[in-house]
Protein backbone atom coordinates (compact mmCIF):
# COMPACT_ATOMS: atom_id res chain seq x y z
CA MET A 1 -11.20 28.24 -7.68
CA PHE A 2 -14.57 26.94 -8.81
CA ASN A 3 -13.12 23.61 -10.00
CA SER A 4 -11.30 23.27 -6.61
CA ILE A 5 -14.55 23.67 -4.67
CA PHE A 6 -16.75 21.77 -7.11
CA PRO A 7 -14.62 19.22 -8.99
CA LYS A 8 -16.05 17.11 -11.71
CA ILE A 9 -17.33 13.69 -10.68
CA HIS A 10 -16.45 10.32 -12.07
CA LYS A 11 -19.01 8.77 -14.44
CA GLU A 12 -19.58 6.01 -11.92
CA GLY A 13 -21.13 8.51 -9.62
CA TYR A 14 -23.88 9.87 -11.88
CA LYS A 15 -26.35 7.17 -10.99
CA PHE A 16 -25.76 7.31 -7.28
CA LEU A 17 -25.95 11.13 -7.23
CA ALA A 18 -29.21 11.16 -9.25
CA ILE A 19 -30.81 8.61 -6.89
CA SER A 20 -29.71 10.58 -3.87
CA VAL A 21 -30.91 13.94 -5.21
CA LEU A 22 -34.27 12.42 -6.21
CA ALA A 23 -34.75 10.70 -2.76
CA THR A 24 -33.86 14.00 -0.99
CA PHE A 25 -36.46 16.01 -2.80
CA ILE A 26 -39.21 13.32 -2.30
CA VAL A 27 -38.48 13.02 1.43
CA LEU A 28 -38.35 16.78 1.95
CA PHE A 29 -42.11 16.87 1.27
CA PHE A 30 -42.72 14.67 4.22
CA SER A 31 -39.96 15.45 6.67
CA LYS A 32 -37.55 18.40 6.61
CA PHE A 33 -35.32 16.77 9.20
CA VAL A 34 -34.89 13.50 7.28
CA GLY A 35 -34.63 15.44 4.05
CA LEU A 36 -31.74 17.50 5.46
CA ILE A 37 -29.98 14.31 6.47
CA LEU A 38 -30.40 12.97 2.94
CA ALA A 39 -29.09 16.31 1.60
CA VAL A 40 -25.93 15.75 3.61
CA ILE A 41 -25.65 12.23 2.28
CA THR A 42 -26.08 13.67 -1.28
CA LEU A 43 -23.18 16.05 -0.71
CA TRP A 44 -21.12 13.05 0.51
CA VAL A 45 -22.02 11.02 -2.60
CA TYR A 46 -20.81 14.00 -4.74
CA TYR A 47 -17.70 14.27 -2.71
CA PHE A 48 -16.91 10.56 -2.79
CA PHE A 49 -17.18 10.34 -6.60
CA ARG A 50 -15.11 13.54 -7.22
CA ASP A 51 -12.57 13.25 -9.96
CA PRO A 52 -10.28 16.31 -9.75
CA GLU A 53 -7.42 17.09 -12.08
CA ARG A 54 -4.02 16.09 -10.79
CA PHE A 55 -0.67 17.48 -11.87
CA PRO A 56 2.05 14.72 -12.01
CA ILE A 57 5.77 15.54 -11.96
CA ASN A 58 6.17 14.24 -15.53
CA ASP A 59 9.47 12.62 -14.70
CA ASP A 60 9.64 8.83 -15.10
CA SER A 61 12.62 8.58 -12.77
CA PHE A 62 9.95 8.87 -10.04
CA LEU A 63 6.96 6.71 -9.19
CA ILE A 64 3.91 8.74 -8.16
CA SER A 65 1.13 7.45 -5.97
CA PRO A 66 -1.54 5.43 -7.65
CA ALA A 67 -4.10 6.33 -5.02
CA ASP A 68 -5.18 8.89 -2.40
CA GLY A 69 -5.01 7.70 1.11
CA LEU A 70 -2.89 6.48 4.00
CA ILE A 71 0.31 4.40 3.52
CA THR A 72 -0.24 1.28 5.71
CA ASP A 73 2.60 -0.88 4.58
CA VAL A 74 6.11 -0.40 3.23
CA SER A 75 7.94 -3.68 2.90
CA GLU A 76 9.62 -6.28 0.75
CA LYS A 77 7.27 -9.00 -0.44
CA SER A 78 6.99 -11.63 -3.11
CA GLY A 79 5.09 -10.66 -6.23
CA PRO A 80 1.49 -11.78 -6.78
CA GLU A 81 1.18 -15.45 -7.67
CA GLU A 82 -1.80 -14.57 -9.91
CA LEU A 83 0.72 -12.92 -12.28
CA ARG A 84 3.27 -15.79 -11.84
CA LEU A 85 5.59 -13.51 -9.84
CA GLU A 86 5.62 -15.28 -6.47
CA ASN A 87 9.33 -16.10 -6.94
CA THR A 88 10.31 -12.47 -7.43
CA THR A 89 10.94 -10.01 -4.53
CA TYR A 90 9.54 -6.49 -4.87
CA ASN A 91 9.26 -3.36 -2.79
CA LYS A 92 5.60 -3.12 -1.87
CA VAL A 93 3.65 0.01 -0.77
CA SER A 94 0.04 -0.27 0.37
CA ILE A 95 -2.32 2.67 0.30
CA PHE A 96 -5.61 2.52 2.26
CA MET A 97 -8.46 4.61 0.97
CA ASN A 98 -11.17 5.45 3.46
CA VAL A 99 -14.64 6.67 2.39
CA PHE A 100 -13.57 10.23 2.42
CA ASN A 101 -10.64 9.84 0.00
CA CYS A 102 -10.82 10.30 -3.70
CA HIS A 103 -11.11 6.84 -5.16
CA VAL A 104 -9.83 7.39 -8.72
CA ASN A 105 -6.62 5.43 -9.30
CA ARG A 106 -3.71 6.41 -11.66
CA VAL A 107 -0.55 4.96 -13.09
CA PRO A 108 2.71 5.85 -11.31
CA VAL A 109 4.84 6.21 -14.48
CA SER A 110 4.42 6.42 -18.25
CA CYS A 111 3.97 2.88 -19.31
CA LYS A 112 2.34 0.21 -21.45
CA VAL A 113 -0.26 -2.06 -19.90
CA GLU A 114 1.19 -5.53 -20.29
CA GLU A 115 -1.45 -7.62 -18.48
CA ILE A 116 -4.70 -7.15 -16.55
CA TYR A 117 -6.08 -9.86 -14.36
CA TYR A 118 -9.31 -9.73 -12.32
CA LYS A 119 -9.90 -12.10 -9.42
CA PRO A 120 -13.22 -12.30 -7.52
CA GLY A 121 -12.96 -12.81 -3.73
CA LYS A 122 -14.18 -11.70 -0.31
CA PHE A 123 -14.83 -8.25 1.08
CA LEU A 124 -12.61 -8.07 4.23
CA ASN A 125 -11.48 -4.79 5.76
CA ALA A 126 -8.97 -3.55 3.15
CA SER A 127 -6.53 -2.40 5.88
CA LEU A 128 -5.91 -5.99 6.88
CA ASP A 129 -2.85 -7.66 5.31
CA LYS A 130 -4.75 -10.72 4.31
CA ALA A 131 -7.03 -8.68 2.11
CA SER A 132 -4.23 -8.84 -0.48
CA GLU A 133 -4.80 -12.58 -0.79
CA GLU A 134 -8.56 -13.02 -0.08
CA ASN A 135 -10.40 -9.92 -1.29
CA GLU A 136 -11.79 -9.20 -4.72
CA ARG A 137 -9.02 -7.47 -6.69
CA ASN A 138 -7.72 -6.35 -10.04
CA TYR A 139 -4.12 -6.61 -11.14
CA PHE A 140 -2.21 -4.45 -13.65
CA LYS A 141 1.25 -5.37 -14.84
CA ILE A 142 2.72 -2.37 -16.49
CA LYS A 143 6.07 -1.75 -18.20
CA SER A 144 7.83 1.57 -17.67
CA LYS A 145 8.53 3.40 -21.05
CA SER A 146 11.70 4.89 -19.68
CA ASN A 147 13.50 1.75 -18.61
CA GLY A 148 11.37 -1.24 -19.33
CA GLU A 149 10.90 -2.12 -15.63
CA GLU A 150 7.81 -4.09 -14.60
CA ILE A 151 5.58 -2.48 -12.01
CA ILE A 152 2.48 -4.13 -10.49
CA ILE A 153 -0.65 -2.20 -9.32
CA VAL A 154 -3.37 -4.02 -7.47
CA GLN A 155 -6.81 -2.58 -6.81
CA ILE A 156 -8.30 -4.35 -3.73
CA ALA A 157 -11.93 -4.16 -2.72
CA GLY A 158 -12.76 -3.33 0.86
CA LEU A 159 -15.27 -4.12 3.55
CA ILE A 160 -18.12 -2.18 1.85
CA ALA A 161 -16.59 -1.90 -1.60
CA ARG A 162 -18.59 -3.82 -4.16
CA ARG A 163 -17.16 -2.91 -7.55
CA ILE A 164 -13.75 -2.45 -8.95
CA VAL A 165 -13.84 -0.31 -12.13
CA CYS A 166 -11.15 -0.76 -14.78
CA GLU A 167 -10.93 1.92 -17.44
CA VAL A 168 -7.91 0.72 -19.48
CA GLU A 169 -7.15 -2.20 -21.71
CA GLN A 170 -4.26 -4.58 -22.17
CA GLY A 171 -1.72 -3.10 -24.66
CA GLN A 172 -2.75 0.46 -24.01
CA ASP A 173 -0.04 3.22 -23.65
CA LEU A 174 -0.52 5.61 -20.71
CA LYS A 175 1.26 8.71 -19.49
CA GLN A 176 2.27 9.19 -15.90
CA GLY A 177 -0.75 10.13 -13.82
CA ASP A 178 -3.40 8.81 -16.31
CA ARG A 179 -6.51 7.31 -14.80
CA ILE A 180 -6.81 3.52 -14.72
CA GLY A 181 -10.12 3.17 -12.79
CA MET A 182 -11.64 3.46 -9.32
CA ILE A 183 -12.97 1.30 -6.47
CA ARG A 184 -16.36 2.11 -5.02
CA PHE A 185 -16.65 2.79 -1.27
CA GLY A 186 -13.52 2.15 0.77
CA SER A 187 -10.65 0.03 -0.45
CA ARG A 188 -6.82 -0.29 -1.01
CA VAL A 189 -4.16 -0.04 -3.75
CA ASP A 190 -0.88 -1.96 -3.59
CA ILE A 191 2.06 -1.15 -5.81
CA TYR A 192 5.02 -3.48 -6.35
CA PHE A 193 8.31 -2.29 -7.88
CA LYS A 194 12.08 -3.01 -7.97
CA ASN A 195 15.31 -1.12 -8.46
CA LYS A 196 14.06 2.13 -6.94
CA LYS A 197 14.63 3.94 -3.71
CA VAL A 198 11.53 3.98 -1.59
CA LEU A 199 10.42 7.49 -0.66
CA ALA A 200 7.06 6.58 0.94
CA LYS A 201 6.83 6.54 4.70
CA LEU A 202 4.49 4.38 6.93
CA GLY A 203 1.60 6.57 8.04
CA GLN A 204 2.04 9.16 5.32
CA ASN A 205 -1.00 10.57 3.56
CA VAL A 206 -0.53 10.62 -0.23
CA VAL A 207 -2.33 12.12 -3.25
CA ALA A 208 -2.85 10.10 -6.41
CA GLY A 209 -0.98 11.45 -9.42
CA GLU A 210 1.17 13.84 -7.34
CA SER A 211 2.83 12.38 -4.26
CA LEU A 212 6.22 10.73 -4.81
CA ILE A 213 6.43 7.01 -3.87
CA ALA A 214 9.96 6.04 -5.13
CA SER A 215 12.81 7.38 -7.21
CA ASP A 216 15.72 6.00 -9.26
């Protein structure tokens, strides 16, 4: 119960939380009203950087969601040209994370990280379709351990996001639901895959590491 109410926070949040707590205590000496506003902001900072435990299905015949948020696109698209996959057609699911969602991202299946590619870019609203082509983003090409299929995960920075955090390395083996990083302050994650039945629905809210995106 305690962990549900007060989950641990991601290491990226320690600095922001410390600054917010310090500013709150200093301002409280001069203005209780402004100090209370900062206290609310401090709670939000803690909430934003929360990193709760998740419980994946542990069945690689399913893809689980790589992010918390709202599904804003379910379609067939060409793969990212940055990974030389523009001539391959994939099922694509886009998940928009607002500033109240947990921003820790996870792998949808047990896999090996085949390639990681970071590309700097703009900071458009992540809910816009052209954000996939113009925003700062980080690409993961992973290979499923169960059947060898390639799956692409793309972290896309948003309007106020200013840092994509990657926590894994090329060649690393991961289990379904393992953390791969986070994006600070509002963003989007796209997942590309083939040869699976899409379970995700447009407008659906999903939970990283638990919600089912697709199945064999």
